Amino acid sequence: MTSVQPQPQPQPQTRTPLYGERKIADSEIICFDNPSLERPYEISIEFPEFTCKCPFSGYPDFAILRLKYQPNLKVMELKSIKLYINSYRDKLISHEEVANRILDDFVLAVNPNWIELEADFNPRGNVHMVVLVAHGQRIEL
């Protein structure tokens, strides 16, 4: 007769978040004084690796975010924007909601004269979606 010992059940492992995960979790949009208040100018920033998750399927959504803005009194610091954008990686959120929420947060942080965000999502199921949101009045340069 053979005897089989029950295998110990694996215990859930807790791990310390990696430094990047901690930075993303603690992210906030940092701004500094506009160094050229005397001149209207435009800043363009592209985020080619944006990800979030579909709130219906849980599948990842991938997009290129194109941000353009004309600063007022403040300018956004790039690393803080990068960390903020990366905080959406695991959020369940629709294309429309994420574009509008990001724009609202940028407006709240920097209060630009004008800002535009284009969220160009990768096609899925033969459907390509681009969400364009804007705030303020653009000054012709």
N, C-alpha and C. Protein backbone atom coordinates (compact mmCIF):
# COMPACT_ATOMS: atom_id res chain seq x y z
N MET A 1 0.85 -1.16 0.00
CA MET A 1 0.00 0.00 0.00
C MET A 1 0.90 1.23 0.00
N THR A 2 0.54 2.17 -0.87
CA THR A 2 1.33 3.39 -0.92
C THR A 2 0.54 4.51 -0.28
N SER A 3 1.27 5.39 0.28
CA SER A 3 0.67 6.55 0.95
C SER A 3 1.12 7.81 0.21
N VAL A 4 0.16 8.67 -0.03
CA VAL A 4 0.48 9.94 -0.70
C VAL A 4 0.23 11.07 0.29
N GLN A 5 1.25 11.84 0.48
CA GLN A 5 1.13 12.99 1.37
C GLN A 5 0.53 14.15 0.59
N PRO A 6 -0.41 14.87 1.18
CA PRO A 6 -0.94 16.05 0.49
C PRO A 6 0.18 17.07 0.28
N GLN A 7 0.15 17.66 -0.88
CA GLN A 7 1.14 18.70 -1.19
C GLN A 7 0.76 19.99 -0.48
N PRO A 8 1.75 20.67 0.05
CA PRO A 8 1.42 21.94 0.69
C PRO A 8 0.88 22.93 -0.35
N GLN A 9 -0.13 23.67 0.05
CA GLN A 9 -0.72 24.66 -0.84
C GLN A 9 0.21 25.87 -0.91
N PRO A 10 0.42 26.35 -2.12
CA PRO A 10 1.29 27.53 -2.22
C PRO A 10 0.63 28.73 -1.53
N GLN A 11 1.42 29.44 -0.80
CA GLN A 11 0.93 30.64 -0.12
C GLN A 11 0.99 31.82 -1.10
N PRO A 12 -0.01 32.67 -1.05
CA PRO A 12 0.07 33.84 -1.92
C PRO A 12 1.31 34.64 -1.59
N GLN A 13 2.01 34.99 -2.63
CA GLN A 13 3.25 35.73 -2.41
C GLN A 13 2.97 37.22 -2.45
N THR A 14 3.53 37.89 -1.50
CA THR A 14 3.47 39.34 -1.54
C THR A 14 4.86 39.80 -1.96
N ARG A 15 4.87 40.78 -2.79
CA ARG A 15 6.15 41.29 -3.24
C ARG A 15 6.17 42.80 -3.08
N THR A 16 7.32 43.29 -2.92
CA THR A 16 7.50 44.73 -2.86
C THR A 16 7.39 45.27 -4.28
N PRO A 17 6.56 46.29 -4.49
CA PRO A 17 6.48 46.86 -5.84
C PRO A 17 7.85 47.34 -6.30
N LEU A 18 8.10 47.19 -7.58
CA LEU A 18 9.35 47.65 -8.17
C LEU A 18 9.40 49.18 -8.12
N TYR A 19 10.59 49.74 -8.21
CA TYR A 19 10.71 51.19 -8.07
C TYR A 19 9.87 51.94 -9.10
N GLY A 20 9.79 51.43 -10.34
CA GLY A 20 8.98 52.08 -11.36
C GLY A 20 7.50 52.04 -11.01
N GLU A 21 7.04 50.92 -10.47
CA GLU A 21 5.64 50.80 -10.05
C GLU A 21 5.34 51.78 -8.93
N ARG A 22 6.29 51.94 -8.01
CA ARG A 22 6.08 52.89 -6.91
C ARG A 22 6.03 54.32 -7.43
N LYS A 23 6.92 54.66 -8.36
CA LYS A 23 6.93 56.01 -8.94
C LYS A 23 5.63 56.30 -9.68
N ILE A 24 5.13 55.32 -10.43
CA ILE A 24 3.88 55.49 -11.16
C ILE A 24 2.72 55.66 -10.18
N ALA A 25 2.68 54.84 -9.14
CA ALA A 25 1.59 54.91 -8.16
C ALA A 25 1.57 56.27 -7.44
N ASP A 26 2.74 56.86 -7.25
CA ASP A 26 2.84 58.14 -6.54
C ASP A 26 2.86 59.34 -7.48
N SER A 27 2.58 59.11 -8.76
CA SER A 27 2.77 60.17 -9.75
C SER A 27 1.79 61.33 -9.55
N GLU A 28 2.27 62.50 -9.87
CA GLU A 28 1.45 63.70 -9.92
C GLU A 28 2.06 64.59 -10.99
N ILE A 29 1.23 65.40 -11.60
CA ILE A 29 1.71 66.28 -12.66
C ILE A 29 2.39 67.48 -12.01
N ILE A 30 3.66 67.64 -12.32
CA ILE A 30 4.45 68.74 -11.77
C ILE A 30 4.59 69.82 -12.84
N CYS A 31 4.45 71.05 -12.43
CA CYS A 31 4.58 72.18 -13.35
C CYS A 31 5.64 73.15 -12.84
N PHE A 32 6.20 73.91 -13.76
CA PHE A 32 7.14 74.96 -13.38
C PHE A 32 6.79 76.23 -14.16
N ASP A 33 7.38 77.35 -13.75
CA ASP A 33 7.06 78.63 -14.36
C ASP A 33 7.42 78.65 -15.84
N ASN A 34 6.54 79.23 -16.63
CA ASN A 34 6.78 79.41 -18.06
C ASN A 34 7.97 80.35 -18.24
N PRO A 35 9.03 79.90 -18.89
CA PRO A 35 10.22 80.74 -19.02
C PRO A 35 10.09 81.84 -20.08
N SER A 36 9.01 81.84 -20.87
CA SER A 36 8.86 82.83 -21.94
C SER A 36 7.44 83.39 -22.00
N LEU A 37 7.05 84.07 -20.93
CA LEU A 37 5.70 84.63 -20.87
C LEU A 37 5.44 85.69 -21.95
N GLU A 38 6.49 86.32 -22.44
CA GLU A 38 6.32 87.41 -23.40
C GLU A 38 5.95 86.93 -24.80
N ARG A 39 6.04 85.62 -25.06
CA ARG A 39 5.82 85.10 -26.41
C ARG A 39 4.90 83.90 -26.38
N PRO A 40 3.86 83.89 -27.22
CA PRO A 40 3.07 82.66 -27.34
C PRO A 40 3.87 81.60 -28.10
N TYR A 41 3.82 80.38 -27.63
CA TYR A 41 4.49 79.28 -28.30
C TYR A 41 3.73 78.00 -28.01
N GLU A 42 4.07 76.97 -28.75
CA GLU A 42 3.35 75.70 -28.65
C GLU A 42 4.31 74.59 -28.29
N ILE A 43 3.86 73.69 -27.45
CA ILE A 43 4.64 72.51 -27.05
C ILE A 43 3.91 71.28 -27.58
N SER A 44 4.65 70.39 -28.22
CA SER A 44 4.09 69.12 -28.71
C SER A 44 4.82 67.97 -28.03
N ILE A 45 4.06 67.02 -27.52
CA ILE A 45 4.62 65.84 -26.86
C ILE A 45 3.88 64.62 -27.39
N GLU A 46 4.62 63.56 -27.68
CA GLU A 46 4.00 62.32 -28.17
C GLU A 46 4.32 61.18 -27.21
N PHE A 47 3.31 60.39 -26.93
CA PHE A 47 3.44 59.19 -26.09
C PHE A 47 3.09 57.99 -26.96
N PRO A 48 4.09 57.33 -27.58
CA PRO A 48 3.79 56.28 -28.56
C PRO A 48 3.43 54.93 -27.95
N GLU A 49 3.50 54.79 -26.62
CA GLU A 49 3.27 53.49 -26.01
C GLU A 49 2.18 53.53 -24.94
N PHE A 50 1.16 54.33 -25.13
CA PHE A 50 0.08 54.42 -24.15
C PHE A 50 -0.71 53.12 -24.11
N THR A 51 -1.04 52.67 -22.91
CA THR A 51 -1.91 51.51 -22.74
C THR A 51 -2.90 51.74 -21.61
N CYS A 52 -4.06 51.15 -21.79
CA CYS A 52 -5.08 51.04 -20.75
C CYS A 52 -5.81 49.74 -21.06
N LYS A 53 -6.91 49.48 -20.37
CA LYS A 53 -7.65 48.24 -20.62
C LYS A 53 -9.10 48.55 -20.97
N CYS A 54 -9.64 47.76 -21.89
CA CYS A 54 -11.04 47.89 -22.28
C CYS A 54 -11.93 47.56 -21.07
N PRO A 55 -12.88 48.43 -20.74
CA PRO A 55 -13.72 48.17 -19.58
C PRO A 55 -14.73 47.04 -19.80
N PHE A 56 -14.88 46.58 -21.03
CA PHE A 56 -15.84 45.53 -21.33
C PHE A 56 -15.19 44.16 -21.45
N SER A 57 -14.02 44.11 -22.08
CA SER A 57 -13.35 42.82 -22.29
C SER A 57 -12.16 42.61 -21.37
N GLY A 58 -11.57 43.69 -20.88
CA GLY A 58 -10.35 43.58 -20.09
C GLY A 58 -9.11 43.47 -20.95
N TYR A 59 -9.29 43.43 -22.27
CA TYR A 59 -8.14 43.35 -23.18
C TYR A 59 -7.39 44.68 -23.16
N PRO A 60 -6.09 44.63 -23.41
CA PRO A 60 -5.34 45.88 -23.45
C PRO A 60 -5.66 46.69 -24.69
N ASP A 61 -5.70 47.99 -24.52
CA ASP A 61 -5.85 48.94 -25.63
C ASP A 61 -4.53 49.69 -25.74
N PHE A 62 -4.08 49.89 -26.96
CA PHE A 62 -2.83 50.58 -27.22
C PHE A 62 -3.12 51.82 -28.04
N ALA A 63 -2.41 52.90 -27.75
CA ALA A 63 -2.64 54.15 -28.49
C ALA A 63 -1.37 54.98 -28.54
N ILE A 64 -1.36 55.88 -29.50
CA ILE A 64 -0.38 56.96 -29.52
C ILE A 64 -1.13 58.20 -29.07
N LEU A 65 -0.62 58.83 -28.03
CA LEU A 65 -1.20 60.09 -27.56
C LEU A 65 -0.35 61.23 -28.09
N ARG A 66 -1.01 62.20 -28.69
CA ARG A 66 -0.32 63.39 -29.19
C ARG A 66 -0.89 64.61 -28.47
N LEU A 67 -0.05 65.23 -27.69
CA LEU A 67 -0.44 66.38 -26.88
C LEU A 67 0.18 67.64 -27.48
N LYS A 68 -0.64 68.65 -27.65
CA LYS A 68 -0.16 69.98 -28.05
C LYS A 68 -0.79 70.97 -27.10
N TYR A 69 0.04 71.93 -26.64
CA TYR A 69 -0.54 72.98 -25.82
C TYR A 69 0.25 74.26 -25.91
N GLN A 70 -0.44 75.36 -25.66
CA GLN A 70 0.18 76.67 -25.57
C GLN A 70 0.12 77.08 -24.10
N PRO A 71 1.29 77.15 -23.46
CA PRO A 71 1.29 77.41 -22.02
C PRO A 71 0.84 78.81 -21.67
N ASN A 72 0.36 78.93 -20.46
CA ASN A 72 -0.01 80.20 -19.87
C ASN A 72 1.11 80.54 -18.88
N LEU A 73 0.85 80.45 -17.60
CA LEU A 73 1.85 80.79 -16.58
C LEU A 73 2.77 79.61 -16.25
N LYS A 74 2.32 78.39 -16.52
CA LYS A 74 3.08 77.20 -16.13
C LYS A 74 3.30 76.29 -17.33
N VAL A 75 4.31 75.43 -17.19
CA VAL A 75 4.66 74.40 -18.17
C VAL A 75 4.74 73.08 -17.42
N MET A 76 4.31 71.99 -18.07
CA MET A 76 4.35 70.68 -17.42
C MET A 76 5.74 70.05 -17.55
N GLU A 77 6.19 69.44 -16.48
CA GLU A 77 7.48 68.75 -16.45
C GLU A 77 7.32 67.37 -17.09
N LEU A 78 8.23 67.01 -18.00
CA LEU A 78 8.05 65.82 -18.83
C LEU A 78 8.02 64.50 -18.06
N LYS A 79 8.94 64.30 -17.13
CA LYS A 79 8.97 63.02 -16.42
C LYS A 79 7.68 62.80 -15.63
N SER A 80 7.15 63.85 -15.04
CA SER A 80 5.91 63.70 -14.28
C SER A 80 4.74 63.34 -15.19
N ILE A 81 4.74 63.90 -16.41
CA ILE A 81 3.67 63.55 -17.37
C ILE A 81 3.81 62.08 -17.77
N LYS A 82 5.03 61.64 -18.01
CA LYS A 82 5.28 60.25 -18.39
C LYS A 82 4.76 59.29 -17.31
N LEU A 83 5.08 59.57 -16.06
CA LEU A 83 4.62 58.71 -14.97
C LEU A 83 3.10 58.75 -14.85
N TYR A 84 2.52 59.94 -14.98
CA TYR A 84 1.06 60.06 -14.93
C TYR A 84 0.41 59.24 -16.04
N ILE A 85 0.90 59.37 -17.27
CA ILE A 85 0.35 58.62 -18.40
C ILE A 85 0.47 57.11 -18.16
N ASN A 86 1.61 56.68 -17.61
CA ASN A 86 1.80 55.25 -17.35
C ASN A 86 0.87 54.71 -16.27
N SER A 87 0.28 55.59 -15.47
CA SER A 87 -0.63 55.13 -14.41
C SER A 87 -1.92 54.55 -14.98
N TYR A 88 -2.18 54.75 -16.26
CA TYR A 88 -3.39 54.20 -16.89
C TYR A 88 -3.21 52.77 -17.37
N ARG A 89 -2.02 52.24 -17.29
CA ARG A 89 -1.67 50.93 -17.84
C ARG A 89 -2.66 49.82 -17.47
N ASP A 90 -3.10 49.77 -16.23
CA ASP A 90 -3.98 48.69 -15.79
C ASP A 90 -5.41 49.15 -15.50
N LYS A 91 -5.75 50.38 -15.87
CA LYS A 91 -7.09 50.89 -15.59
C LYS A 91 -8.08 50.44 -16.66
N LEU A 92 -9.25 50.04 -16.22
CA LEU A 92 -10.35 49.70 -17.11
C LEU A 92 -11.07 51.00 -17.45
N ILE A 93 -10.91 51.47 -18.70
CA ILE A 93 -11.44 52.78 -19.07
C ILE A 93 -11.64 52.84 -20.58
N SER A 94 -12.73 53.47 -21.00
CA SER A 94 -13.02 53.56 -22.44
C SER A 94 -12.11 54.59 -23.10
N HIS A 95 -12.02 54.49 -24.42
CA HIS A 95 -11.22 55.44 -25.20
C HIS A 95 -11.68 56.88 -24.94
N GLU A 96 -12.98 57.07 -25.00
CA GLU A 96 -13.54 58.41 -24.84
C GLU A 96 -13.27 58.97 -23.44
N GLU A 97 -13.47 58.12 -22.43
CA GLU A 97 -13.28 58.58 -21.06
C GLU A 97 -11.81 58.89 -20.77
N VAL A 98 -10.90 58.05 -21.24
CA VAL A 98 -9.49 58.26 -20.92
C VAL A 98 -8.98 59.54 -21.56
N ALA A 99 -9.37 59.81 -22.81
CA ALA A 99 -8.91 61.04 -23.48
C ALA A 99 -9.43 62.27 -22.73
N ASN A 100 -10.69 62.26 -22.36
CA ASN A 100 -11.27 63.40 -21.66
C ASN A 100 -10.70 63.56 -20.25
N ARG A 101 -10.47 62.47 -19.55
CA ARG A 101 -9.93 62.55 -18.19
C ARG A 101 -8.50 63.08 -18.20
N ILE A 102 -7.69 62.59 -19.12
CA ILE A 102 -6.31 63.08 -19.22
C ILE A 102 -6.31 64.58 -19.53
N LEU A 103 -7.12 64.99 -20.50
CA LEU A 103 -7.18 66.42 -20.83
C LEU A 103 -7.63 67.24 -19.62
N ASP A 104 -8.66 66.79 -18.92
CA ASP A 104 -9.14 67.52 -17.74
C ASP A 104 -8.04 67.65 -16.68
N ASP A 105 -7.29 66.58 -16.46
CA ASP A 105 -6.21 66.62 -15.47
C ASP A 105 -5.10 67.59 -15.90
N PHE A 106 -4.78 67.61 -17.19
CA PHE A 106 -3.77 68.54 -17.68
C PHE A 106 -4.25 69.99 -17.54
N VAL A 107 -5.50 70.24 -17.87
CA VAL A 107 -6.06 71.60 -17.73
C VAL A 107 -6.01 72.03 -16.27
N LEU A 108 -6.39 71.15 -15.37
CA LEU A 108 -6.36 71.46 -13.94
C LEU A 108 -4.94 71.75 -13.46
N ALA A 109 -3.97 70.99 -13.94
CA ALA A 109 -2.60 71.13 -13.48
C ALA A 109 -1.91 72.39 -14.01
N VAL A 110 -2.10 72.68 -15.29
CA VAL A 110 -1.27 73.71 -15.93
C VAL A 110 -2.04 74.94 -16.40
N ASN A 111 -3.37 74.85 -16.49
CA ASN A 111 -4.20 75.96 -16.94
C ASN A 111 -3.64 76.63 -18.20
N PRO A 112 -3.53 75.87 -19.29
CA PRO A 112 -2.92 76.43 -20.50
C PRO A 112 -3.87 77.40 -21.21
N ASN A 113 -3.29 78.20 -22.11
CA ASN A 113 -4.13 79.05 -22.96
C ASN A 113 -4.97 78.16 -23.88
N TRP A 114 -4.35 77.11 -24.38
CA TRP A 114 -5.01 76.17 -25.29
C TRP A 114 -4.31 74.82 -25.14
N ILE A 115 -5.11 73.74 -25.26
CA ILE A 115 -4.55 72.39 -25.19
C ILE A 115 -5.40 71.46 -26.04
N GLU A 116 -4.72 70.52 -26.69
CA GLU A 116 -5.40 69.53 -27.52
C GLU A 116 -4.74 68.18 -27.28
N LEU A 117 -5.55 67.16 -27.16
CA LEU A 117 -5.04 65.80 -27.02
C LEU A 117 -5.70 64.92 -28.06
N GLU A 118 -4.86 64.24 -28.85
CA GLU A 118 -5.33 63.26 -29.81
C GLU A 118 -4.94 61.88 -29.31
N ALA A 119 -5.92 61.02 -29.13
CA ALA A 119 -5.69 59.64 -28.71
C ALA A 119 -5.99 58.75 -29.91
N ASP A 120 -4.94 58.25 -30.54
CA ASP A 120 -5.02 57.45 -31.77
C ASP A 120 -4.84 55.97 -31.38
N PHE A 121 -5.96 55.27 -31.23
CA PHE A 121 -5.93 53.89 -30.75
C PHE A 121 -5.65 52.91 -31.88
N ASN A 122 -4.87 51.89 -31.56
CA ASN A 122 -4.59 50.84 -32.54
C ASN A 122 -5.88 50.15 -32.96
N PRO A 123 -5.98 49.78 -34.23
CA PRO A 123 -7.18 49.07 -34.67
C PRO A 123 -7.35 47.74 -33.93
N ARG A 124 -8.61 47.44 -33.67
CA ARG A 124 -8.96 46.13 -33.12
C ARG A 124 -10.25 45.70 -33.79
N GLY A 125 -10.27 44.48 -34.31
CA GLY A 125 -11.48 43.97 -34.98
C GLY A 125 -11.86 44.81 -36.17
N ASN A 126 -10.86 45.30 -36.91
CA ASN A 126 -11.06 46.10 -38.12
C ASN A 126 -11.68 47.47 -37.83
N VAL A 127 -11.52 47.97 -36.60
CA VAL A 127 -12.04 49.28 -36.23
C VAL A 127 -10.89 50.13 -35.70
N HIS A 128 -10.73 51.31 -36.27
CA HIS A 128 -9.71 52.25 -35.84
C HIS A 128 -10.39 53.48 -35.27
N MET A 129 -10.02 53.87 -34.06
CA MET A 129 -10.69 55.00 -33.41
C MET A 129 -9.67 56.05 -33.01
N VAL A 130 -10.01 57.31 -33.26
CA VAL A 130 -9.21 58.44 -32.83
C VAL A 130 -10.14 59.37 -32.06
N VAL A 131 -9.72 59.75 -30.85
CA VAL A 131 -10.48 60.69 -30.04
C VAL A 131 -9.67 61.98 -29.96
N LEU A 132 -10.28 63.09 -30.32
CA LEU A 132 -9.62 64.39 -30.29
C LEU A 132 -10.40 65.28 -29.33
N VAL A 133 -9.71 65.78 -28.31
CA VAL A 133 -10.35 66.67 -27.33
C VAL A 133 -9.49 67.93 -27.19
N ALA A 134 -10.13 69.06 -26.93
CA ALA A 134 -9.42 70.32 -26.82
C ALA A 134 -10.07 71.21 -25.78
N HIS A 135 -9.30 72.21 -25.35
CA HIS A 135 -9.78 73.18 -24.35
C HIS A 135 -9.08 74.51 -24.62
N GLY A 136 -9.80 75.59 -24.51
CA GLY A 136 -9.22 76.91 -24.64
C GLY A 136 -9.22 77.41 -26.08
N GLN A 137 -8.56 78.54 -26.26
CA GLN A 137 -8.51 79.20 -27.58
C GLN A 137 -7.07 79.22 -28.07
N ARG A 138 -6.85 78.61 -29.23
CA ARG A 138 -5.51 78.54 -29.81
C ARG A 138 -5.12 79.89 -30.40
N ILE A 139 -3.90 80.32 -30.10
CA ILE A 139 -3.36 81.54 -30.66
C ILE A 139 -2.59 81.17 -31.93
N GLU A 140 -2.91 81.81 -33.03
CA GLU A 140 -2.21 81.53 -34.29
C GLU A 140 -0.78 82.05 -34.17
N LEU A 141 0.17 81.19 -34.46
CA LEU A 141 1.59 81.59 -34.33
C LEU A 141 2.14 82.06 -35.65
